[in-house]
Amino acid sequence: GRASSSRSARLNARMTVNVVGRKLNGDLIIEGVRTLKINGDEAIFLSGSVNPALISAENTILSSSIGDLIIEYTGKGSITQGMRPGLIVRFVNWIF
């Protein structure tokens, strides 16, 4: 048989992060969260490391310049709730 899968997504946001540490090589360890109220509560979590020399004069940096980048997008909006399995399906999945 043959199978294929395709997925495309685009996330475009500006957010503020905090410096939570420094690596031995001088890179800054950053973390941040941005909460959105569109279809309920949605949040973007970002963490990674940044070379201070790459930070622009406007104190910004592109995500493509963030090392060890982790981005999590979570939501509890109406679309997410509508896609959540029913109680019986969740119970059966919990058993197996």
PDB file of N, CA and C in Angstrom:
ATOM      1  N   GLY A   1       0.805  -1.175   0.000  1.00  0.00           N
ATOM      2  CA  GLY A   1       0.000   0.000   0.000  1.00  0.00           C
ATOM      3  C   GLY A   1       0.851   1.242   0.000  1.00  0.00           C
ATOM      4  N   ARG A   2       0.204   2.318  -0.223  1.00  0.00           N
ATOM      5  CA  ARG A   2       0.868   3.620  -0.208  1.00  0.00           C
ATOM      6  C   ARG A   2       0.139   4.533   0.747  1.00  0.00           C
ATOM      7  N   ALA A   3       0.916   5.386   1.355  1.00  0.00           N
ATOM      8  CA  ALA A   3       0.338   6.378   2.264  1.00  0.00           C
ATOM      9  C   ALA A   3       1.148   7.656   2.173  1.00  0.00           C
ATOM     10  N   SER A   4       0.496   8.724   2.430  1.00  0.00           N
ATOM     11  CA  SER A   4       1.201   9.997   2.484  1.00  0.00           C
ATOM     12  C   SER A   4       0.496  10.891   3.493  1.00  0.00           C
ATOM     13  N   SER A   5       1.254  11.822   3.979  1.00  0.00           N
ATOM     14  CA  SER A   5       0.715  12.762   4.959  1.00  0.00           C
ATOM     15  C   SER A   5       1.332  14.116   4.691  1.00  0.00           C
ATOM     16  N   SER A   6       0.550  15.137   4.872  1.00  0.00           N
ATOM     17  CA  SER A   6       1.036  16.490   4.660  1.00  0.00           C
ATOM     18  C   SER A   6       0.418  17.399   5.703  1.00  0.00           C
ATOM     19  N   ARG A   7       1.231  18.332   6.198  1.00  0.00           N
ATOM     20  CA  ARG A   7       0.722  19.282   7.169  1.00  0.00           C
ATOM     21  C   ARG A   7       1.445  20.608   6.983  1.00  0.00           C
ATOM     22  N   SER A   8       0.700  21.663   7.043  1.00  0.00           N
ATOM     23  CA  SER A   8       1.276  22.989   6.902  1.00  0.00           C
ATOM     24  C   SER A   8       0.676  23.896   7.955  1.00  0.00           C
ATOM     25  N   ALA A   9       1.519  24.695   8.581  1.00  0.00           N
ATOM     26  CA  ALA A   9       1.037  25.623   9.599  1.00  0.00           C
ATOM     27  C   ALA A   9       1.907  26.874   9.575  1.00  0.00           C
ATOM     28  N   ARG A  10       1.313  27.963   9.952  1.00  0.00           N
ATOM     29  CA  ARG A  10       2.054  29.221  10.030  1.00  0.00           C
ATOM     30  C   ARG A  10       1.611  29.943  11.289  1.00  0.00           C
ATOM     31  N   LEU A  11       2.574  30.333  12.079  1.00  0.00           N
ATOM     32  CA  LEU A  11       2.315  31.072  13.302  1.00  0.00           C
ATOM     33  C   LEU A  11       3.098  32.369  13.219  1.00  0.00           C
ATOM     34  N   ASN A  12       2.406  33.474  13.270  1.00  0.00           N
ATOM     35  CA  ASN A  12       3.036  34.776  13.149  1.00  0.00           C
ATOM     36  C   ASN A  12       2.650  35.591  14.378  1.00  0.00           C
ATOM     37  N   ALA A  13       3.619  35.878  15.239  1.00  0.00           N
ATOM     38  CA  ALA A  13       3.339  36.633  16.461  1.00  0.00           C
ATOM     39  C   ALA A  13       4.595  37.356  16.923  1.00  0.00           C
ATOM     40  N   ARG A  14       4.394  38.452  17.573  1.00  0.00           N
ATOM     41  CA  ARG A  14       5.475  39.160  18.263  1.00  0.00           C
ATOM     42  C   ARG A  14       5.245  38.943  19.746  1.00  0.00           C
ATOM     43  N   MET A  15       6.317  38.685  20.473  1.00  0.00           N
ATOM     44  CA  MET A  15       6.138  38.483  21.899  1.00  0.00           C
ATOM     45  C   MET A  15       7.370  38.915  22.665  1.00  0.00           C
ATOM     46  N   THR A  16       7.160  39.193  23.921  1.00  0.00           N
ATOM     47  CA  THR A  16       8.224  39.584  24.827  1.00  0.00           C
ATOM     48  C   THR A  16       8.668  38.359  25.603  1.00  0.00           C
ATOM     49  N   VAL A  17       9.975  38.244  25.794  1.00  0.00           N
ATOM     50  CA  VAL A  17      10.515  37.135  26.571  1.00  0.00           C
ATOM     51  C   VAL A  17      11.384  37.683  27.695  1.00  0.00           C
ATOM     52  N   ASN A  18      11.678  36.821  28.651  1.00  0.00           N
ATOM     53  CA  ASN A  18      12.564  37.172  29.760  1.00  0.00           C
ATOM     54  C   ASN A  18      13.853  36.379  29.654  1.00  0.00           C
ATOM     55  N   VAL A  19      14.947  36.994  30.050  1.00  0.00           N
ATOM     56  CA  VAL A  19      16.217  36.277  30.156  1.00  0.00           C
ATOM     57  C   VAL A  19      16.208  35.574  31.502  1.00  0.00           C
ATOM     58  N   VAL A  20      16.290  34.246  31.482  1.00  0.00           N
ATOM     59  CA  VAL A  20      16.206  33.469  32.718  1.00  0.00           C
ATOM     60  C   VAL A  20      17.547  32.853  33.107  1.00  0.00           C
ATOM     61  N   GLY A  21      18.552  33.038  32.265  1.00  0.00           N
ATOM     62  CA  GLY A  21      19.870  32.495  32.579  1.00  0.00           C
ATOM     63  C   GLY A  21      20.864  32.835  31.497  1.00  0.00           C
ATOM     64  N   ARG A  22      22.084  32.351  31.711  1.00  0.00           N
ATOM     65  CA  ARG A  22      23.161  32.573  30.745  1.00  0.00           C
ATOM     66  C   ARG A  22      23.976  31.289  30.641  1.00  0.00           C
ATOM     67  N   LYS A  23      24.272  30.889  29.399  1.00  0.00           N
ATOM     68  CA  LYS A  23      25.107  29.711  29.168  1.00  0.00           C
ATOM     69  C   LYS A  23      26.576  30.066  29.367  1.00  0.00           C
ATOM     70  N   LEU A  24      27.410  29.044  29.501  1.00  0.00           N
ATOM     71  CA  LEU A  24      28.845  29.268  29.683  1.00  0.00           C
ATOM     72  C   LEU A  24      29.468  30.020  28.509  1.00  0.00           C
ATOM     73  N   ASN A  25      28.915  29.860  27.309  1.00  0.00           N
ATOM     74  CA  ASN A  25      29.459  30.557  26.135  1.00  0.00           C
ATOM     75  C   ASN A  25      28.933  31.996  26.006  1.00  0.00           C
ATOM     76  N   GLY A  26      28.094  32.444  26.946  1.00  0.00           N
ATOM     77  CA  GLY A  26      27.574  33.807  26.928  1.00  0.00           C
ATOM     78  C   GLY A  26      26.186  33.947  26.337  1.00  0.00           C
ATOM     79  N   ASP A  27      25.673  32.905  25.694  1.00  0.00           N
ATOM     80  CA  ASP A  27      24.319  32.964  25.145  1.00  0.00           C
ATOM     81  C   ASP A  27      23.292  33.152  26.257  1.00  0.00           C
ATOM     82  N   LEU A  28      22.245  33.904  25.954  1.00  0.00           N
ATOM     83  CA  LEU A  28      21.181  34.153  26.914  1.00  0.00           C
ATOM     84  C   LEU A  28      20.112  33.073  26.787  1.00  0.00           C
ATOM     85  N   ILE A  29      19.637  32.572  27.903  1.00  0.00           N
ATOM     86  CA  ILE A  29      18.541  31.609  27.916  1.00  0.00           C
ATOM     87  C   ILE A  29      17.261  32.405  28.116  1.00  0.00           C
ATOM     88  N   ILE A  30      16.312  32.232  27.186  1.00  0.00           N
ATOM     89  CA  ILE A  30      15.091  33.042  27.210  1.00  0.00           C
ATOM     90  C   ILE A  30      13.851  32.163  27.347  1.00  0.00           C
ATOM     91  N   GLU A  31      12.813  32.747  27.917  1.00  0.00           N
ATOM     92  CA  GLU A  31      11.504  32.107  28.019  1.00  0.00           C
ATOM     93  C   GLU A  31      10.443  33.184  27.955  1.00  0.00           C
ATOM     94  N   GLY A  32       9.309  32.851  27.385  1.00  0.00           N
ATOM     95  CA  GLY A  32       8.208  33.797  27.336  1.00  0.00           C
ATOM     96  C   GLY A  32       6.897  33.103  27.049  1.00  0.00           C
ATOM     97  N   VAL A  33       5.821  33.789  27.358  1.00  0.00           N
ATOM     98  CA  VAL A  33       4.480  33.281  27.083  1.00  0.00           C
ATOM     99  C   VAL A  33       3.623  34.446  26.622  1.00  0.00           C
ATOM    100  N   ARG A  34       2.753  34.164  25.668  1.00  0.00           N
ATOM    101  CA  ARG A  34       1.796  35.169  25.200  1.00  0.00           C
ATOM    102  C   ARG A  34       0.421  34.526  25.215  1.00  0.00           C
ATOM    103  N   THR A  35      -0.498  35.128  25.936  1.00  0.00           N
ATOM    104  CA  THR A  35      -1.849  34.600  26.049  1.00  0.00           C
ATOM    105  C   THR A  35      -2.767  35.391  25.140  1.00  0.00           C
ATOM    106  N   LEU A  36      -3.570  34.673  24.363  1.00  0.00           N
ATOM    107  CA  LEU A  36      -4.505  35.285  23.426  1.00  0.00           C
ATOM    108  C   LEU A  36      -5.921  34.914  23.826  1.00  0.00           C
ATOM    109  N   LYS A  37      -6.843  35.815  23.624  1.00  0.00           N
ATOM    110  CA  LYS A  37      -8.260  35.559  23.889  1.00  0.00           C
ATOM    111  C   LYS A  37      -9.006  35.696  22.574  1.00  0.00           C
ATOM    112  N   ILE A  38      -8.916  34.663  21.732  1.00  0.00           N
ATOM    113  CA  ILE A  38      -9.583  34.706  20.433  1.00  0.00           C
ATOM    114  C   ILE A  38     -10.845  33.849  20.498  1.00  0.00           C
ATOM    115  N   ASN A  39     -10.668  32.557  20.592  1.00  0.00           N
ATOM    116  CA  ASN A  39     -11.785  31.624  20.730  1.00  0.00           C
ATOM    117  C   ASN A  39     -11.689  30.948  22.092  1.00  0.00           C
ATOM    118  N   GLY A  40     -11.424  31.705  23.110  1.00  0.00           N
ATOM    119  CA  GLY A  40     -11.154  31.147  24.429  1.00  0.00           C
ATOM    120  C   GLY A  40      -9.715  31.455  24.785  1.00  0.00           C
ATOM    121  N   ASP A  41      -9.149  30.684  25.676  1.00  0.00           N
ATOM    122  CA  ASP A  41      -7.765  30.900  26.092  1.00  0.00           C
ATOM    123  C   ASP A  41      -6.817  30.137  25.185  1.00  0.00           C
ATOM    124  N   GLU A  42      -5.896  30.830  24.576  1.00  0.00           N
ATOM    125  CA  GLU A  42      -4.862  30.240  23.750  1.00  0.00           C
ATOM    126  C   GLU A  42      -3.548  30.860  24.186  1.00  0.00           C
ATOM    127  N   ALA A  43      -2.462  30.074  24.165  1.00  0.00           N
ATOM    128  CA  ALA A  43      -1.182  30.578  24.632  1.00  0.00           C
ATOM    129  C   ALA A  43      -0.059  30.087  23.730  1.00  0.00           C
ATOM    130  N   ILE A  44       0.968  30.924  23.604  1.00  0.00           N
ATOM    131  CA  ILE A  44       2.188  30.574  22.897  1.00  0.00           C
ATOM    132  C   ILE A  44       3.312  30.590  23.928  1.00  0.00           C
ATOM    133  N   PHE A  45       3.990  29.462  24.084  1.00  0.00           N
ATOM    134  CA  PHE A  45       5.141  29.361  24.973  1.00  0.00           C
ATOM    135  C   PHE A  45       6.386  29.270  24.116  1.00  0.00           C
ATOM    136  N   LEU A  46       7.417  30.037  24.461  1.00  0.00           N
ATOM    137  CA  LEU A  46       8.650  30.052  23.690  1.00  0.00           C
ATOM    138  C   LEU A  46       9.827  29.952  24.638  1.00  0.00           C
ATOM    139  N   SER A  47      10.807  29.128  24.280  1.00  0.00           N
ATOM    140  CA  SER A  47      12.052  29.081  25.041  1.00  0.00           C
ATOM    141  C   SER A  47      13.191  28.772  24.077  1.00  0.00           C
ATOM    142  N   GLY A  48      14.400  29.165  24.461  1.00  0.00           N
ATOM    143  CA  GLY A  48      15.563  28.922  23.620  1.00  0.00           C
ATOM    144  C   GLY A  48      16.762  29.699  24.121  1.00  0.00           C
ATOM    145  N   SER A  49      17.777  29.775  23.275  1.00  0.00           N
ATOM    146  CA  SER A  49      18.987  30.517  23.630  1.00  0.00           C
ATOM    147  C   SER A  49      19.345  31.471  22.501  1.00  0.00           C
ATOM    148  N   VAL A  50      19.894  32.612  22.889  1.00  0.00           N
ATOM    149  CA  VAL A  50      20.174  33.689  21.939  1.00  0.00           C
ATOM    150  C   VAL A  50      21.592  34.210  22.143  1.00  0.00           C
ATOM    151  N   ASN A  51      22.302  34.373  21.027  1.00  0.00           N
ATOM    152  CA  ASN A  51      23.597  35.038  21.059  1.00  0.00           C
ATOM    153  C   ASN A  51      23.322  36.538  21.174  1.00  0.00           C
ATOM    154  N   PRO A  52      23.807  37.199  22.241  1.00  0.00           N
ATOM    155  CA  PRO A  52      23.509  38.628  22.420  1.00  0.00           C
ATOM    156  C   PRO A  52      23.933  39.500  21.238  1.00  0.00           C
ATOM    157  N   ALA A  53      24.939  39.082  20.477  1.00  0.00           N
ATOM    158  CA  ALA A  53      25.403  39.861  19.327  1.00  0.00           C
ATOM    159  C   ALA A  53      24.359  39.899  18.210  1.00  0.00           C
ATOM    160  N   LEU A  54      23.409  38.955  18.213  1.00  0.00           N
ATOM    161  CA  LEU A  54      22.398  38.910  17.159  1.00  0.00           C
ATOM    162  C   LEU A  54      21.159  39.745  17.472  1.00  0.00           C
ATOM    163  N   ILE A  55      21.089  40.315  18.668  1.00  0.00           N
ATOM    164  CA  ILE A  55      19.941  41.133  19.048  1.00  0.00           C
ATOM    165  C   ILE A  55      20.070  42.500  18.383  1.00  0.00           C
ATOM    166  N   SER A  56      19.020  42.923  17.676  1.00  0.00           N
ATOM    167  CA  SER A  56      19.072  44.174  16.919  1.00  0.00           C
ATOM    168  C   SER A  56      19.041  45.396  17.843  1.00  0.00           C
ATOM    169  N   ALA A  57      19.241  46.563  17.248  1.00  0.00           N
ATOM    170  CA  ALA A  57      19.196  47.819  18.001  1.00  0.00           C
ATOM    171  C   ALA A  57      17.801  48.071  18.571  1.00  0.00           C
ATOM    172  N   GLU A  58      16.775  47.487  17.945  1.00  0.00           N
ATOM    173  CA  GLU A  58      15.398  47.619  18.439  1.00  0.00           C
ATOM    174  C   GLU A  58      15.086  46.583  19.524  1.00  0.00           C
ATOM    175  N   ASN A  59      16.116  45.832  19.946  1.00  0.00           N
ATOM    176  CA  ASN A  59      15.984  44.808  20.980  1.00  0.00           C
ATOM    177  C   ASN A  59      15.070  43.670  20.527  1.00  0.00           C
ATOM    178  N   THR A  60      15.192  43.285  19.242  1.00  0.00           N
ATOM    179  CA  THR A  60      14.389  42.198  18.690  1.00  0.00           C
ATOM    180  C   THR A  60      15.300  41.161  18.039  1.00  0.00           C
ATOM    181  N   ILE A  61      14.734  39.971  17.829  1.00  0.00           N
ATOM    182  CA  ILE A  61      15.460  38.903  17.154  1.00  0.00           C
ATOM    183  C   ILE A  61      14.447  38.009  16.452  1.00  0.00           C
ATOM    184  N   LEU A  62      14.798  37.504  15.302  1.00  0.00           N
ATOM    185  CA  LEU A  62      13.931  36.581  14.575  1.00  0.00           C
ATOM    186  C   LEU A  62      14.012  35.195  15.209  1.00  0.00           C
ATOM    187  N   SER A  63      12.929  34.454  15.141  1.00  0.00           N
ATOM    188  CA  SER A  63      12.924  33.110  15.716  1.00  0.00           C
ATOM    189  C   SER A  63      13.941  32.206  15.037  1.00  0.00           C
ATOM    190  N   SER A  64      14.265  32.486  13.779  1.00  0.00           N
ATOM    191  CA  SER A  64      15.261  31.681  13.068  1.00  0.00           C
ATOM    192  C   SER A  64      16.661  31.844  13.656  1.00  0.00           C
ATOM    193  N   SER A  65      16.877  32.856  14.498  1.00  0.00           N
ATOM    194  CA  SER A  65      18.175  33.082  15.132  1.00  0.00           C
ATOM    195  C   SER A  65      18.206  32.594  16.579  1.00  0.00           C
ATOM    196  N   ILE A  66      17.162  31.911  17.016  1.00  0.00           N
ATOM    197  CA  ILE A  66      17.099  31.396  18.383  1.00  0.00           C
ATOM    198  C   ILE A  66      17.516  29.929  18.365  1.00  0.00           C
ATOM    199  N   GLY A  67      18.549  29.615  19.141  1.00  0.00           N
ATOM    200  CA  GLY A  67      19.013  28.233  19.237  1.00  0.00           C
ATOM    201  C   GLY A  67      18.159  27.444  20.214  1.00  0.00           C
ATOM    202  N   ASP A  68      18.145  26.128  20.059  1.00  0.00           N
ATOM    203  CA  ASP A  68      17.375  25.243  20.948  1.00  0.00           C
ATOM    204  C   ASP A  68      15.924  25.712  21.078  1.00  0.00           C
ATOM    205  N   LEU A  69      15.383  26.223  19.991  1.00  0.00           N
ATOM    206  CA  LEU A  69      14.053  26.833  20.015  1.00  0.00           C
ATOM    207  C   LEU A  69      12.959  25.804  20.275  1.00  0.00           C
ATOM    208  N   ILE A  70      12.113  26.120  21.226  1.00  0.00           N
ATOM    209  CA  ILE A  70      10.912  25.325  21.504  1.00  0.00           C
ATOM    210  C   ILE A  70       9.734  26.285  21.487  1.00  0.00           C
ATOM    211  N   ILE A  71       8.751  25.994  20.636  1.00  0.00           N
ATOM    212  CA  ILE A  71       7.520  26.779  20.579  1.00  0.00           C
ATOM    213  C   ILE A  71       6.359  25.828  20.798  1.00  0.00           C
ATOM    214  N   GLU A  72       5.518  26.150  21.751  1.00  0.00           N
ATOM    215  CA  GLU A  72       4.313  25.367  21.999  1.00  0.00           C
ATOM    216  C   GLU A  72       3.113  26.292  21.857  1.00  0.00           C
ATOM    217  N   TYR A  73       2.140  25.838  21.099  1.00  0.00           N
ATOM    218  CA  TYR A  73       0.911  26.592  20.917  1.00  0.00           C
ATOM    219  C   TYR A  73      -0.224  25.749  21.489  1.00  0.00           C
ATOM    220  N   THR A  74      -0.862  26.249  22.514  1.00  0.00           N
ATOM    221  CA  THR A  74      -1.939  25.501  23.151  1.00  0.00           C
ATOM    222  C   THR A  74      -3.197  26.333  23.140  1.00  0.00           C
ATOM    223  N   GLY A  75      -4.329  25.666  23.149  1.00  0.00           N
ATOM    224  CA  GLY A  75      -5.586  26.393  23.147  1.00  0.00           C
ATOM    225  C   GLY A  75      -6.681  25.619  23.829  1.00  0.00           C
ATOM    226  N   LYS A  76      -7.618  26.357  24.386  1.00  0.00           N
ATOM    227  CA  LYS A  76      -8.808  25.778  24.989  1.00  0.00           C
ATOM    228  C   LYS A  76     -10.033  26.493  24.451  1.00  0.00           C
ATOM    229  N   GLY A  77      -9.946  26.882  23.191  1.00  0.00           N
ATOM    230  CA  GLY A  77     -11.048  27.606  22.572  1.00  0.00           C
ATOM    231  C   GLY A  77     -12.166  26.688  22.147  1.00  0.00           C
ATOM    232  N   SER A  78     -13.173  27.262  21.526  1.00  0.00           N
ATOM    233  CA  SER A  78     -14.346  26.495  21.121  1.00  0.00           C
ATOM    234  C   SER A  78     -14.010  25.435  20.073  1.00  0.00           C
ATOM    235  N   ILE A  79     -13.049  25.714  19.196  1.00  0.00           N
ATOM    236  CA  ILE A  79     -12.665  24.721  18.190  1.00  0.00           C
ATOM    237  C   ILE A  79     -11.994  23.540  18.870  1.00  0.00           C
ATOM    238  N   THR A  80     -11.094  23.814  19.807  1.00  0.00           N
ATOM    239  CA  THR A  80     -10.416  22.745  20.532  1.00  0.00           C
ATOM    240  C   THR A  80     -11.408  21.917  21.315  1.00  0.00           C
ATOM    241  N   GLN A  81     -12.354  22.555  21.980  1.00  0.00           N
ATOM    242  CA  GLN A  81     -13.339  21.826  22.765  1.00  0.00           C
ATOM    243  C   GLN A  81     -14.215  20.965  21.860  1.00  0.00           C
ATOM    244  N   GLY A  82     -14.537  21.450  20.669  1.00  0.00           N
ATOM    245  CA  GLY A  82     -15.360  20.686  19.750  1.00  0.00           C
ATOM    246  C   GLY A  82     -14.654  19.459  19.212  1.00  0.00           C
ATOM    247  N   MET A  83     -13.329  19.490  19.173  1.00  0.00           N
ATOM    248  CA  MET A  83     -12.565  18.368  18.665  1.00  0.00           C
ATOM    249  C   MET A  83     -12.202  17.375  19.773  1.00  0.00           C
ATOM    250  N   ARG A  84     -12.493  17.686  21.007  1.00  0.00           N
ATOM    251  CA  ARG A  84     -12.156  16.816  22.126  1.00  0.00           C
ATOM    252  C   ARG A  84     -13.065  15.590  22.111  1.00  0.00           C
ATOM    253  N   PRO A  85     -12.481  14.370  22.288  1.00  0.00           N
ATOM    254  CA  PRO A  85     -13.307  13.170  22.284  1.00  0.00           C
ATOM    255  C   PRO A  85     -14.309  13.181  23.431  1.00  0.00           C
ATOM    256  N   GLY A  86     -15.407  12.448  23.229  1.00  0.00           N
ATOM    257  CA  GLY A  86     -16.419  12.335  24.272  1.00  0.00           C
ATOM    258  C   GLY A  86     -15.922  11.540  25.470  1.00  0.00           C
ATOM    259  N   LEU A  87     -16.711  11.540  26.522  1.00  0.00           N
ATOM    260  CA  LEU A  87     -16.344  10.895  27.776  1.00  0.00           C
ATOM    261  C   LEU A  87     -16.104   9.398  27.607  1.00  0.00           C
ATOM    262  N   ILE A  88     -16.938   8.714  26.856  1.00  0.00           N
ATOM    263  CA  ILE A  88     -16.790   7.263  26.679  1.00  0.00           C
ATOM    264  C   ILE A  88     -15.502   6.946  25.920  1.00  0.00           C
ATOM    265  N   VAL A  89     -15.217   7.689  24.861  1.00  0.00           N
ATOM    266  CA  VAL A  89     -13.994   7.471  24.081  1.00  0.00           C
ATOM    267  C   VAL A  89     -12.774   7.730  24.952  1.00  0.00           C
ATOM    268  N   ARG A  90     -12.789   8.793  25.751  1.00  0.00           N
ATOM    269  CA  ARG A  90     -11.654   9.072  26.630  1.00  0.00           C
ATOM    270  C   ARG A  90     -11.470   7.963  27.658  1.00  0.00           C
ATOM    271  N   PHE A  91     -12.565   7.418  28.184  1.00  0.00           N
ATOM    272  CA  PHE A  91     -12.483   6.338  29.161  1.00  0.00           C
ATOM    273  C   PHE A  91     -11.878   5.087  28.527  1.00  0.00           C
ATOM    274  N   VAL A  92     -12.348   4.729  27.324  1.00  0.00           N
ATOM    275  CA  VAL A  92     -11.806   3.551  26.627  1.00  0.00           C
ATOM    276  C   VAL A  92     -10.330   3.750  26.317  1.00  0.00           C
ATOM    277  N   ASN A  93      -9.936   4.936  25.884  1.00  0.00           N
ATOM    278  CA  ASN A  93      -8.529   5.218  25.613  1.00  0.00           C
ATOM    279  C   ASN A  93      -7.694   5.143  26.886  1.00  0.00           C
ATOM    280  N   TRP A  94      -8.256   5.550  28.004  1.00  0.00           N
ATOM    281  CA  TRP A  94      -7.545   5.497  29.278  1.00  0.00           C
ATOM    282  C   TRP A  94      -7.289   4.046  29.684  1.00  0.00           C
ATOM    283  N   ILE A  95      -8.254   3.162  29.426  1.00  0.00           N
ATOM    284  CA  ILE A  95      -8.111   1.754  29.784  1.00  0.00           C
ATOM    285  C   ILE A  95      -7.008   1.102  28.945  1.00  0.00           C
ATOM    286  N   PHE A  96      -6.977   1.418  27.649  1.00  0.00           N
ATOM    287  CA  PHE A  96      -5.992   0.801  26.761  1.00  0.00           C
ATOM    288  C   PHE A  96      -4.816   1.721  26.565  1.00  0.00           C
TER     289      PHE A  96
END
